[in-house]
Amino acid sequence: MNGNVSSTRDGNEVIFSMAAKSNEEVDQWAELVKSSIGTLNMGSKIHENGFYVCVFSDPDGHKFNIVCMDERM
């Protein structure tokens, strides 16, 4: 690919997003990450865009977010 190898621990790449059906499901993901070998980068909260979200990294540094866009949907 003719480029430098990046460190996912020090930089950003793609963030994978997964939809949750409720704020409680987002909270469950956050608790699961805290009790495992992942890293919770941002605990469950209402983001500035109005979504309820948590962000975490797997052991290799790949980032994921779990998002509840609207519990009424």
N, C-alpha and C. Protein backbone atom coordinates (compact mmCIF):
# COMPACT_ATOMS: atom_id res chain seq x y z
N MET A 1 0.81 -1.19 0.00
CA MET A 1 0.00 0.00 0.00
C MET A 1 0.86 1.26 0.00
N ASN A 2 2.16 1.11 -0.03
CA ASN A 2 3.06 2.25 -0.16
C ASN A 2 2.78 3.36 0.84
N GLY A 3 2.82 3.04 2.09
CA GLY A 3 2.62 4.05 3.13
C GLY A 3 3.17 3.55 4.44
N ASN A 4 3.25 4.46 5.38
CA ASN A 4 3.72 4.09 6.71
C ASN A 4 2.67 3.27 7.43
N VAL A 5 3.12 2.38 8.28
CA VAL A 5 2.22 1.62 9.12
C VAL A 5 1.79 2.53 10.26
N SER A 6 0.51 2.63 10.47
CA SER A 6 0.02 3.51 11.54
C SER A 6 -0.19 2.72 12.82
N SER A 7 -0.14 3.42 13.91
CA SER A 7 -0.43 2.82 15.20
C SER A 7 -1.86 3.19 15.57
N THR A 8 -2.72 2.19 15.72
CA THR A 8 -4.11 2.48 16.07
C THR A 8 -4.23 2.95 17.51
N ARG A 9 -3.19 2.74 18.32
CA ARG A 9 -3.22 3.21 19.71
C ARG A 9 -2.94 4.71 19.80
N ASP A 10 -2.17 5.25 18.85
CA ASP A 10 -1.77 6.65 18.91
C ASP A 10 -2.54 7.56 17.95
N GLY A 11 -3.20 7.00 16.97
CA GLY A 11 -3.90 7.81 15.98
C GLY A 11 -5.32 7.33 15.78
N ASN A 12 -5.96 7.89 14.81
CA ASN A 12 -7.33 7.50 14.48
C ASN A 12 -7.35 6.89 13.09
N GLU A 13 -8.30 6.02 12.90
CA GLU A 13 -8.52 5.40 11.60
C GLU A 13 -10.02 5.46 11.36
N VAL A 14 -10.60 4.37 11.03
CA VAL A 14 -12.05 4.27 10.86
C VAL A 14 -12.66 3.94 12.21
N ILE A 15 -13.83 4.51 12.49
CA ILE A 15 -14.56 4.12 13.69
C ILE A 15 -15.79 3.35 13.23
N PHE A 16 -15.98 2.19 13.84
CA PHE A 16 -17.11 1.34 13.50
C PHE A 16 -18.27 1.72 14.40
N SER A 17 -19.45 1.92 13.82
CA SER A 17 -20.63 2.31 14.58
C SER A 17 -21.65 1.19 14.57
N MET A 18 -22.24 0.97 15.73
CA MET A 18 -23.29 -0.03 15.87
C MET A 18 -24.48 0.61 16.56
N ALA A 19 -25.66 0.33 16.07
CA ALA A 19 -26.87 0.93 16.62
C ALA A 19 -27.40 0.10 17.79
N ALA A 20 -27.81 0.81 18.82
CA ALA A 20 -28.46 0.18 19.97
C ALA A 20 -29.93 0.57 19.94
N LYS A 21 -30.77 -0.28 20.53
CA LYS A 21 -32.21 -0.01 20.54
C LYS A 21 -32.63 0.88 21.70
N SER A 22 -31.74 1.02 22.71
CA SER A 22 -32.11 1.82 23.88
C SER A 22 -30.85 2.36 24.55
N ASN A 23 -31.04 3.37 25.40
CA ASN A 23 -29.93 3.89 26.18
C ASN A 23 -29.38 2.81 27.10
N GLU A 24 -30.25 1.96 27.61
CA GLU A 24 -29.82 0.88 28.50
C GLU A 24 -28.89 -0.09 27.77
N GLU A 25 -29.14 -0.34 26.50
CA GLU A 25 -28.27 -1.22 25.73
C GLU A 25 -26.88 -0.59 25.57
N VAL A 26 -26.83 0.72 25.36
CA VAL A 26 -25.55 1.42 25.30
C VAL A 26 -24.81 1.25 26.62
N ASP A 27 -25.53 1.43 27.74
CA ASP A 27 -24.93 1.27 29.06
C ASP A 27 -24.41 -0.16 29.26
N GLN A 28 -25.14 -1.14 28.77
CA GLN A 28 -24.70 -2.54 28.90
C GLN A 28 -23.40 -2.77 28.15
N TRP A 29 -23.28 -2.20 26.95
CA TRP A 29 -22.03 -2.31 26.19
C TRP A 29 -20.88 -1.68 26.96
N ALA A 30 -21.11 -0.50 27.54
CA ALA A 30 -20.06 0.19 28.29
C ALA A 30 -19.60 -0.67 29.47
N GLU A 31 -20.53 -1.28 30.17
CA GLU A 31 -20.18 -2.14 31.30
C GLU A 31 -19.42 -3.38 30.83
N LEU A 32 -19.83 -3.93 29.70
CA LEU A 32 -19.14 -5.11 29.15
C LEU A 32 -17.69 -4.77 28.79
N VAL A 33 -17.49 -3.62 28.18
CA VAL A 33 -16.13 -3.20 27.82
C VAL A 33 -15.29 -3.00 29.08
N LYS A 34 -15.87 -2.33 30.10
CA LYS A 34 -15.12 -2.09 31.34
C LYS A 34 -14.72 -3.39 32.02
N SER A 35 -15.53 -4.44 31.87
CA SER A 35 -15.23 -5.71 32.53
C SER A 35 -14.41 -6.65 31.65
N SER A 36 -14.01 -6.18 30.48
CA SER A 36 -13.23 -7.01 29.57
C SER A 36 -11.87 -6.35 29.31
N ILE A 37 -11.21 -6.75 28.24
CA ILE A 37 -9.89 -6.21 27.96
C ILE A 37 -9.93 -5.03 26.99
N GLY A 38 -11.12 -4.54 26.68
CA GLY A 38 -11.23 -3.35 25.84
C GLY A 38 -10.97 -2.09 26.65
N THR A 39 -10.91 -0.96 25.98
CA THR A 39 -10.69 0.33 26.64
C THR A 39 -11.89 1.23 26.37
N LEU A 40 -12.51 1.72 27.41
CA LEU A 40 -13.63 2.63 27.27
C LEU A 40 -13.06 4.03 27.06
N ASN A 41 -13.21 4.56 25.84
CA ASN A 41 -12.69 5.89 25.50
C ASN A 41 -13.63 7.00 25.92
N MET A 42 -14.92 6.73 25.90
CA MET A 42 -15.92 7.71 26.33
C MET A 42 -17.08 6.93 26.91
N GLY A 43 -17.34 7.14 28.18
CA GLY A 43 -18.45 6.45 28.83
C GLY A 43 -19.78 6.90 28.26
N SER A 44 -20.82 6.17 28.60
CA SER A 44 -22.17 6.48 28.10
C SER A 44 -22.56 7.90 28.46
N LYS A 45 -22.99 8.63 27.44
CA LYS A 45 -23.45 10.00 27.67
C LYS A 45 -24.22 10.49 26.45
N ILE A 46 -24.90 11.60 26.62
CA ILE A 46 -25.56 12.24 25.50
C ILE A 46 -24.50 13.08 24.81
N HIS A 47 -24.25 12.78 23.55
CA HIS A 47 -23.24 13.49 22.77
C HIS A 47 -23.80 14.83 22.31
N GLU A 48 -22.92 15.73 21.90
CA GLU A 48 -23.36 17.06 21.45
C GLU A 48 -24.33 17.00 20.27
N ASN A 49 -24.33 15.87 19.52
CA ASN A 49 -25.26 15.73 18.40
C ASN A 49 -26.63 15.21 18.84
N GLY A 50 -26.78 14.97 20.16
CA GLY A 50 -28.06 14.54 20.69
C GLY A 50 -28.21 13.03 20.82
N PHE A 51 -27.27 12.26 20.32
CA PHE A 51 -27.33 10.81 20.42
C PHE A 51 -26.76 10.36 21.76
N TYR A 52 -27.24 9.22 22.26
CA TYR A 52 -26.67 8.60 23.46
C TYR A 52 -25.64 7.60 22.98
N VAL A 53 -24.41 7.70 23.46
CA VAL A 53 -23.31 6.96 22.85
C VAL A 53 -22.25 6.57 23.87
N CYS A 54 -21.53 5.50 23.59
CA CYS A 54 -20.28 5.19 24.26
C CYS A 54 -19.27 4.81 23.18
N VAL A 55 -17.99 5.08 23.44
CA VAL A 55 -16.92 4.80 22.48
C VAL A 55 -15.89 3.93 23.18
N PHE A 56 -15.45 2.88 22.49
CA PHE A 56 -14.43 2.02 23.08
C PHE A 56 -13.47 1.53 22.01
N SER A 57 -12.34 1.00 22.48
CA SER A 57 -11.31 0.43 21.60
C SER A 57 -11.11 -1.03 21.96
N ASP A 58 -10.87 -1.85 20.95
CA ASP A 58 -10.52 -3.25 21.22
C ASP A 58 -9.04 -3.31 21.57
N PRO A 59 -8.54 -4.48 21.95
CA PRO A 59 -7.12 -4.57 22.36
C PRO A 59 -6.12 -4.13 21.29
N ASP A 60 -6.50 -4.15 20.03
CA ASP A 60 -5.62 -3.71 18.95
C ASP A 60 -5.73 -2.21 18.68
N GLY A 61 -6.62 -1.53 19.38
CA GLY A 61 -6.77 -0.10 19.21
C GLY A 61 -7.84 0.32 18.22
N HIS A 62 -8.57 -0.62 17.63
CA HIS A 62 -9.65 -0.27 16.70
C HIS A 62 -10.82 0.30 17.49
N LYS A 63 -11.36 1.41 17.02
CA LYS A 63 -12.40 2.11 17.75
C LYS A 63 -13.81 1.77 17.26
N PHE A 64 -14.72 1.73 18.22
CA PHE A 64 -16.12 1.41 17.97
C PHE A 64 -16.97 2.39 18.75
N ASN A 65 -18.16 2.68 18.22
CA ASN A 65 -19.12 3.40 19.05
C ASN A 65 -20.45 2.70 18.96
N ILE A 66 -21.13 2.72 20.08
CA ILE A 66 -22.49 2.18 20.18
C ILE A 66 -23.39 3.38 20.35
N VAL A 67 -24.37 3.51 19.48
CA VAL A 67 -25.18 4.72 19.42
C VAL A 67 -26.66 4.37 19.51
N CYS A 68 -27.37 5.08 20.38
CA CYS A 68 -28.83 5.05 20.37
C CYS A 68 -29.27 6.40 19.84
N MET A 69 -29.83 6.39 18.64
CA MET A 69 -30.20 7.65 18.00
C MET A 69 -31.47 8.23 18.60
N ASP A 70 -32.41 7.37 18.93
CA ASP A 70 -33.67 7.85 19.50
C ASP A 70 -34.43 6.64 20.00
N GLU A 71 -34.66 6.55 21.28
CA GLU A 71 -35.37 5.41 21.83
C GLU A 71 -36.81 5.30 21.31
N ARG A 72 -37.35 6.36 20.79
CA ARG A 72 -38.73 6.33 20.30
C ARG A 72 -38.86 5.69 18.94
N MET A 73 -37.73 5.43 18.25
CA MET A 73 -37.78 4.88 16.89
C MET A 73 -38.18 3.42 16.93
